[in-house]
PDB file of N, CA and C in Angstrom:
ATOM      1  N   MET A   1       6.751 -28.122  -5.869  1.00  0.00           N
ATOM      2  CA  MET A   1       6.325 -29.364  -6.449  1.00  0.00           C
ATOM      3  C   MET A   1       5.089 -29.101  -7.295  1.00  0.00           C
ATOM      4  N   SER A   2       5.116 -29.533  -8.532  1.00  0.00           N
ATOM      5  CA  SER A   2       3.986 -29.290  -9.422  1.00  0.00           C
ATOM      6  C   SER A   2       2.904 -30.344  -9.236  1.00  0.00           C
ATOM      7  N   ARG A   3       1.729 -29.940  -9.589  1.00  0.00           N
ATOM      8  CA  ARG A   3       0.586 -30.826  -9.475  1.00  0.00           C
ATOM      9  C   ARG A   3       0.574 -31.768 -10.673  1.00  0.00           C
ATOM     10  N   VAL A   4       0.273 -33.020 -10.431  1.00  0.00           N
ATOM     11  CA  VAL A   4       0.184 -33.997 -11.510  1.00  0.00           C
ATOM     12  C   VAL A   4      -0.926 -33.553 -12.451  1.00  0.00           C
ATOM     13  N   GLY A   5      -0.613 -33.479 -13.743  1.00  0.00           N
ATOM     14  CA  GLY A   5      -1.594 -33.038 -14.727  1.00  0.00           C
ATOM     15  C   GLY A   5      -1.721 -31.532 -14.815  1.00  0.00           C
ATOM     16  N   GLY A   6      -0.924 -30.789 -14.062  1.00  0.00           N
ATOM     17  CA  GLY A   6      -0.975 -29.328 -14.091  1.00  0.00           C
ATOM     18  C   GLY A   6      -0.306 -28.776 -15.336  1.00  0.00           C
ATOM     19  N   ASN A   7      -0.483 -27.499 -15.581  1.00  0.00           N
ATOM     20  CA  ASN A   7       0.096 -26.850 -16.750  1.00  0.00           C
ATOM     21  C   ASN A   7       1.538 -26.462 -16.434  1.00  0.00           C
ATOM     22  N   PRO A   8       2.513 -27.059 -17.134  1.00  0.00           N
ATOM     23  CA  PRO A   8       3.918 -26.739 -16.842  1.00  0.00           C
ATOM     24  C   PRO A   8       4.300 -25.311 -17.231  1.00  0.00           C
ATOM     25  N   ASP A   9       3.498 -24.670 -18.096  1.00  0.00           N
ATOM     26  CA  ASP A   9       3.796 -23.302 -18.525  1.00  0.00           C
ATOM     27  C   ASP A   9       3.155 -22.242 -17.636  1.00  0.00           C
ATOM     28  N   PHE A  10       2.384 -22.670 -16.651  1.00  0.00           N
ATOM     29  CA  PHE A  10       1.708 -21.713 -15.779  1.00  0.00           C
ATOM     30  C   PHE A  10       2.746 -20.897 -15.011  1.00  0.00           C
ATOM     31  N   GLY A  11       2.612 -19.588 -15.052  1.00  0.00           N
ATOM     32  CA  GLY A  11       3.537 -18.715 -14.337  1.00  0.00           C
ATOM     33  C   GLY A  11       4.753 -18.308 -15.141  1.00  0.00           C
ATOM     34  N   THR A  12       4.992 -18.976 -16.261  1.00  0.00           N
ATOM     35  CA  THR A  12       6.114 -18.585 -17.122  1.00  0.00           C
ATOM     36  C   THR A  12       5.586 -18.102 -18.468  1.00  0.00           C
ATOM     37  N   LYS A  13       4.891 -18.957 -19.171  1.00  0.00           N
ATOM     38  CA  LYS A  13       4.350 -18.591 -20.471  1.00  0.00           C
ATOM     39  C   LYS A  13       3.064 -17.793 -20.328  1.00  0.00           C
ATOM     40  N   TYR A  14       2.251 -18.154 -19.356  1.00  0.00           N
ATOM     41  CA  TYR A  14       0.958 -17.505 -19.147  1.00  0.00           C
ATOM     42  C   TYR A  14       1.021 -16.647 -17.889  1.00  0.00           C
ATOM     43  N   LYS A  15       1.128 -15.341 -18.087  1.00  0.00           N
ATOM     44  CA  LYS A  15       1.176 -14.403 -16.960  1.00  0.00           C
ATOM     45  C   LYS A  15       0.201 -13.271 -17.227  1.00  0.00           C
ATOM     46  N   LEU A  16      -0.381 -12.756 -16.177  1.00  0.00           N
ATOM     47  CA  LEU A  16      -1.236 -11.583 -16.294  1.00  0.00           C
ATOM     48  C   LEU A  16      -0.394 -10.351 -16.006  1.00  0.00           C
ATOM     49  N   ASN A  17      -0.490  -9.341 -16.866  1.00  0.00           N
ATOM     50  CA  ASN A  17       0.289  -8.128 -16.621  1.00  0.00           C
ATOM     51  C   ASN A  17      -0.592  -6.959 -16.209  1.00  0.00           C
ATOM     52  N   TYR A  18      -1.908  -7.111 -16.275  1.00  0.00           N
ATOM     53  CA  TYR A  18      -2.858  -6.093 -15.853  1.00  0.00           C
ATOM     54  C   TYR A  18      -2.624  -4.747 -16.544  1.00  0.00           C
ATOM     55  N   GLY A  19      -2.056  -4.764 -17.750  1.00  0.00           N
ATOM     56  CA  GLY A  19      -1.878  -3.539 -18.515  1.00  0.00           C
ATOM     57  C   GLY A  19      -0.764  -2.636 -18.037  1.00  0.00           C
ATOM     58  N   ARG A  20       0.131  -3.141 -17.197  1.00  0.00           N
ATOM     59  CA  ARG A  20       1.236  -2.316 -16.691  1.00  0.00           C
ATOM     60  C   ARG A  20       2.459  -2.470 -17.593  1.00  0.00           C
ATOM     61  N   ASP A  21       3.204  -1.364 -17.743  1.00  0.00           N
ATOM     62  CA  ASP A  21       4.445  -1.410 -18.521  1.00  0.00           C
ATOM     63  C   ASP A  21       5.490  -2.258 -17.804  1.00  0.00           C
ATOM     64  N   VAL A  22       5.579  -2.088 -16.502  1.00  0.00           N
ATOM     65  CA  VAL A  22       6.540  -2.824 -15.684  1.00  0.00           C
ATOM     66  C   VAL A  22       5.748  -3.660 -14.677  1.00  0.00           C
ATOM     67  N   PRO A  23       5.994  -4.961 -14.623  1.00  0.00           N
ATOM     68  CA  PRO A  23       5.229  -5.789 -13.681  1.00  0.00           C
ATOM     69  C   PRO A  23       5.584  -5.470 -12.232  1.00  0.00           C
ATOM     70  N   LEU A  24       4.604  -5.626 -11.366  1.00  0.00           N
ATOM     71  CA  LEU A  24       4.837  -5.430  -9.935  1.00  0.00           C
ATOM     72  C   LEU A  24       5.490  -6.687  -9.394  1.00  0.00           C
ATOM     73  N   SER A  25       6.623  -6.537  -8.710  1.00  0.00           N
ATOM     74  CA  SER A  25       7.341  -7.717  -8.246  1.00  0.00           C
ATOM     75  C   SER A  25       7.719  -7.659  -6.763  1.00  0.00           C
ATOM     76  N   GLU A  26       7.569  -6.516  -6.132  1.00  0.00           N
ATOM     77  CA  GLU A  26       7.980  -6.373  -4.737  1.00  0.00           C
ATOM     78  C   GLU A  26       6.765  -6.146  -3.854  1.00  0.00           C
ATOM     79  N   GLN A  27       6.881  -6.574  -2.594  1.00  0.00           N
ATOM     80  CA  GLN A  27       5.801  -6.385  -1.636  1.00  0.00           C
ATOM     81  C   GLN A  27       6.272  -5.552  -0.457  1.00  0.00           C
ATOM     82  N   VAL A  28       5.348  -4.766   0.067  1.00  0.00           N
ATOM     83  CA  VAL A  28       5.560  -4.010   1.296  1.00  0.00           C
ATOM     84  C   VAL A  28       4.335  -4.279   2.159  1.00  0.00           C
ATOM     85  N   LYS A  29       4.555  -4.606   3.411  1.00  0.00           N
ATOM     86  CA  LYS A  29       3.435  -4.927   4.291  1.00  0.00           C
ATOM     87  C   LYS A  29       3.343  -3.888   5.397  1.00  0.00           C
ATOM     88  N   ALA A  30       2.105  -3.465   5.695  1.00  0.00           N
ATOM     89  CA  ALA A  30       1.881  -2.509   6.769  1.00  0.00           C
ATOM     90  C   ALA A  30       0.664  -2.951   7.571  1.00  0.00           C
ATOM     91  N   GLN A  31       0.769  -2.873   8.863  1.00  0.00           N
ATOM     92  CA  GLN A  31      -0.344  -3.178   9.747  1.00  0.00           C
ATOM     93  C   GLN A  31      -1.130  -1.886   9.960  1.00  0.00           C
ATOM     94  N   VAL A  32      -2.458  -1.960   9.846  1.00  0.00           N
ATOM     95  CA  VAL A  32      -3.311  -0.794  10.070  1.00  0.00           C
ATOM     96  C   VAL A  32      -4.456  -1.184  10.995  1.00  0.00           C
ATOM     97  N   TYR A  33      -5.096  -0.166  11.569  1.00  0.00           N
ATOM     98  CA  TYR A  33      -6.254  -0.402  12.413  1.00  0.00           C
ATOM     99  C   TYR A  33      -7.431  -0.845  11.546  1.00  0.00           C
ATOM    100  N   PRO A  34      -8.345  -1.625  12.104  1.00  0.00           N
ATOM    101  CA  PRO A  34      -9.512  -2.081  11.331  1.00  0.00           C
ATOM    102  C   PRO A  34     -10.321  -0.921  10.731  1.00  0.00           C
ATOM    103  N   GLU A  35     -10.413   0.191  11.453  1.00  0.00           N
ATOM    104  CA  GLU A  35     -11.164   1.344  10.955  1.00  0.00           C
ATOM    105  C   GLU A  35     -10.519   1.906   9.688  1.00  0.00           C
ATOM    106  N   VAL A  36      -9.197   1.934   9.658  1.00  0.00           N
ATOM    107  CA  VAL A  36      -8.473   2.439   8.493  1.00  0.00           C
ATOM    108  C   VAL A  36      -8.722   1.519   7.303  1.00  0.00           C
ATOM    109  N   LYS A  37      -8.680   0.219   7.545  1.00  0.00           N
ATOM    110  CA  LYS A  37      -8.918  -0.740   6.470  1.00  0.00           C
ATOM    111  C   LYS A  37     -10.317  -0.567   5.886  1.00  0.00           C
ATOM    112  N   GLU A  38     -11.306  -0.372   6.735  1.00  0.00           N
ATOM    113  CA  GLU A  38     -12.678  -0.180   6.264  1.00  0.00           C
ATOM    114  C   GLU A  38     -12.804   1.116   5.459  1.00  0.00           C
ATOM    115  N   GLU A  39     -12.156   2.182   5.923  1.00  0.00           N
ATOM    116  CA  GLU A  39     -12.176   3.446   5.178  1.00  0.00           C
ATOM    117  C   GLU A  39     -11.541   3.281   3.808  1.00  0.00           C
ATOM    118  N   LEU A  40     -10.421   2.556   3.754  1.00  0.00           N
ATOM    119  CA  LEU A  40      -9.767   2.309   2.471  1.00  0.00           C
ATOM    120  C   LEU A  40     -10.653   1.497   1.538  1.00  0.00           C
ATOM    121  N   LYS A  41     -11.336   0.496   2.081  1.00  0.00           N
ATOM    122  CA  LYS A  41     -12.242  -0.321   1.263  1.00  0.00           C
ATOM    123  C   LYS A  41     -13.363   0.535   0.678  1.00  0.00           C
ATOM    124  N   LYS A  42     -13.950   1.409   1.512  1.00  0.00           N
ATOM    125  CA  LYS A  42     -15.036   2.271   1.043  1.00  0.00           C
ATOM    126  C   LYS A  42     -14.542   3.236  -0.027  1.00  0.00           C
ATOM    127  N   LEU A  43     -13.374   3.835   0.202  1.00  0.00           N
ATOM    128  CA  LEU A  43     -12.808   4.772  -0.767  1.00  0.00           C
ATOM    129  C   LEU A  43     -12.498   4.075  -2.085  1.00  0.00           C
ATOM    130  N   ALA A  44     -11.936   2.880  -2.000  1.00  0.00           N
ATOM    131  CA  ALA A  44     -11.626   2.121  -3.216  1.00  0.00           C
ATOM    132  C   ALA A  44     -12.899   1.784  -3.978  1.00  0.00           C
ATOM    133  N   GLU A  45     -13.942   1.414  -3.254  1.00  0.00           N
ATOM    134  CA  GLU A  45     -15.221   1.114  -3.897  1.00  0.00           C
ATOM    135  C   GLU A  45     -15.776   2.353  -4.589  1.00  0.00           C
ATOM    136  N   ASP A  46     -15.691   3.511  -3.931  1.00  0.00           N
ATOM    137  CA  ASP A  46     -16.173   4.765  -4.518  1.00  0.00           C
ATOM    138  C   ASP A  46     -15.382   5.128  -5.775  1.00  0.00           C
ATOM    139  N   LYS A  47     -14.081   4.873  -5.755  1.00  0.00           N
ATOM    140  CA  LYS A  47     -13.217   5.203  -6.899  1.00  0.00           C
ATOM    141  C   LYS A  47     -13.154   4.081  -7.926  1.00  0.00           C
ATOM    142  N   GLN A  48     -13.847   2.991  -7.651  1.00  0.00           N
ATOM    143  CA  GLN A  48     -13.870   1.814  -8.524  1.00  0.00           C
ATOM    144  C   GLN A  48     -12.457   1.305  -8.815  1.00  0.00           C
ATOM    145  N   CYS A  49     -11.698   1.113  -7.750  1.00  0.00           N
ATOM    146  CA  CYS A  49     -10.365   0.544  -7.856  1.00  0.00           C
ATOM    147  C   CYS A  49     -10.166  -0.389  -6.668  1.00  0.00           C
ATOM    148  N   THR A  50      -8.946  -0.821  -6.451  1.00  0.00           N
ATOM    149  CA  THR A  50      -8.663  -1.715  -5.329  1.00  0.00           C
ATOM    150  C   THR A  50      -7.898  -0.957  -4.242  1.00  0.00           C
ATOM    151  N   VAL A  51      -7.894  -1.529  -3.053  1.00  0.00           N
ATOM    152  CA  VAL A  51      -7.140  -0.927  -1.947  1.00  0.00           C
ATOM    153  C   VAL A  51      -5.650  -0.849  -2.296  1.00  0.00           C
ATOM    154  N   PRO A  52      -5.035  -1.916  -2.858  1.00  0.00           N
ATOM    155  CA  PRO A  52      -3.629  -1.789  -3.242  1.00  0.00           C
ATOM    156  C   PRO A  52      -3.378  -0.664  -4.251  1.00  0.00           C
ATOM    157  N   ASP A  53      -4.327  -0.433  -5.173  1.00  0.00           N
ATOM    158  CA  ASP A  53      -4.173   0.682  -6.114  1.00  0.00           C
ATOM    159  C   ASP A  53      -4.137   2.015  -5.376  1.00  0.00           C
ATOM    160  N   LEU A  54      -5.017   2.175  -4.381  1.00  0.00           N
ATOM    161  CA  LEU A  54      -5.025   3.410  -3.583  1.00  0.00           C
ATOM    162  C   LEU A  54      -3.706   3.601  -2.854  1.00  0.00           C
ATOM    163  N   ILE A  55      -3.217   2.525  -2.268  1.00  0.00           N
ATOM    164  CA  ILE A  55      -1.976   2.608  -1.488  1.00  0.00           C
ATOM    165  C   ILE A  55      -0.792   2.916  -2.393  1.00  0.00           C
ATOM    166  N   ARG A  56      -0.740   2.292  -3.580  1.00  0.00           N
ATOM    167  CA  ARG A  56       0.339   2.599  -4.531  1.00  0.00           C
ATOM    168  C   ARG A  56       0.293   4.063  -4.940  1.00  0.00           C
ATOM    169  N   GLU A  57      -0.904   4.583  -5.205  1.00  0.00           N
ATOM    170  CA  GLU A  57      -1.053   5.987  -5.585  1.00  0.00           C
ATOM    171  C   GLU A  57      -0.587   6.906  -4.456  1.00  0.00           C
ATOM    172  N   ALA A  58      -0.990   6.590  -3.218  1.00  0.00           N
ATOM    173  CA  ALA A  58      -0.588   7.410  -2.071  1.00  0.00           C
ATOM    174  C   ALA A  58       0.923   7.371  -1.872  1.00  0.00           C
ATOM    175  N   LEU A  59       1.525   6.199  -2.026  1.00  0.00           N
ATOM    176  CA  LEU A  59       2.977   6.093  -1.881  1.00  0.00           C
ATOM    177  C   LEU A  59       3.703   6.892  -2.961  1.00  0.00           C
ATOM    178  N   ASN A  60       3.213   6.821  -4.197  1.00  0.00           N
ATOM    179  CA  ASN A  60       3.839   7.584  -5.279  1.00  0.00           C
ATOM    180  C   ASN A  60       3.744   9.082  -5.028  1.00  0.00           C
ATOM    181  N   GLN A  61       2.583   9.551  -4.534  1.00  0.00           N
ATOM    182  CA  GLN A  61       2.431  10.970  -4.217  1.00  0.00           C
ATOM    183  C   GLN A  61       3.374  11.380  -3.091  1.00  0.00           C
ATOM    184  N   TYR A  62       3.485  10.547  -2.072  1.00  0.00           N
ATOM    185  CA  TYR A  62       4.370  10.843  -0.947  1.00  0.00           C
ATOM    186  C   TYR A  62       5.826  10.921  -1.411  1.00  0.00           C
ATOM    187  N   LEU A  63       6.247   9.948  -2.207  1.00  0.00           N
ATOM    188  CA  LEU A  63       7.633   9.934  -2.689  1.00  0.00           C
ATOM    189  C   LEU A  63       7.931  11.144  -3.572  1.00  0.00           C
ATOM    190  N   ALA A  64       6.990  11.525  -4.420  1.00  0.00           N
ATOM    191  CA  ALA A  64       7.179  12.696  -5.277  1.00  0.00           C
ATOM    192  C   ALA A  64       7.291  13.962  -4.427  1.00  0.00           C
ATOM    193  N   ARG A  65       6.449  14.066  -3.404  1.00  0.00           N
ATOM    194  CA  ARG A  65       6.487  15.228  -2.498  1.00  0.00           C
ATOM    195  C   ARG A  65       7.818  15.298  -1.748  1.00  0.00           C
ATOM    196  N   GLU A  66       8.293  14.167  -1.271  1.00  0.00           N
ATOM    197  CA  GLU A  66       9.568  14.139  -0.556  1.00  0.00           C
ATOM    198  C   GLU A  66      10.740  14.472  -1.466  1.00  0.00           C
ATOM    199  N   LYS A  67      10.683  13.962  -2.691  1.00  0.00           N
ATOM    200  CA  LYS A  67      11.748  14.266  -3.659  1.00  0.00           C
ATOM    201  C   LYS A  67      11.759  15.755  -3.965  1.00  0.00           C
ATOM    202  N   GLU A  68      10.586  16.356  -4.141  1.00  0.00           N
ATOM    203  CA  GLU A  68      10.478  17.781  -4.398  1.00  0.00           C
ATOM    204  C   GLU A  68      10.994  18.586  -3.205  1.00  0.00           C
ATOM    205  N   ARG A  69      10.690  18.136  -2.014  1.00  0.00           N
ATOM    206  CA  ARG A  69      11.139  18.815  -0.796  1.00  0.00           C
ATOM    207  C   ARG A  69      12.668  18.775  -0.675  1.00  0.00           C
ATOM    208  N   GLN A  70      13.276  17.678  -1.080  1.00  0.00           N
ATOM    209  CA  GLN A  70      14.731  17.550  -1.005  1.00  0.00           C
ATOM    210  C   GLN A  70      15.422  18.465  -2.015  1.00  0.00           C
ATOM    211  N   ILE A  71      14.763  18.695  -3.152  1.00  0.00           N
ATOM    212  CA  ILE A  71      15.339  19.563  -4.173  1.00  0.00           C
ATOM    213  C   ILE A  71      15.337  21.014  -3.704  1.00  0.00           C
ATOM    214  N   ASN A  72      14.278  21.427  -3.014  1.00  0.00           N
ATOM    215  CA  ASN A  72      14.155  22.820  -2.560  1.00  0.00           C
ATOM    216  C   ASN A  72      14.875  23.034  -1.304  1.00  0.00           C
TER     217      ASN A  72
END
């Protein structure tokens, strides 16, 4: 249900793409210990990125490693 007086083009005409060639459309959820979350936050702050960016990078590295392992 849309808000009275809201922008009818919101989410269709006006979208943020964050400079990506392909928009992110899928979600994966993982439960972690609080200590892990804090470590990820600190690492992301040090690298000047976000925790989801770190996790996407780690997943891509893992998938590439597994694909390489399957080839050999």
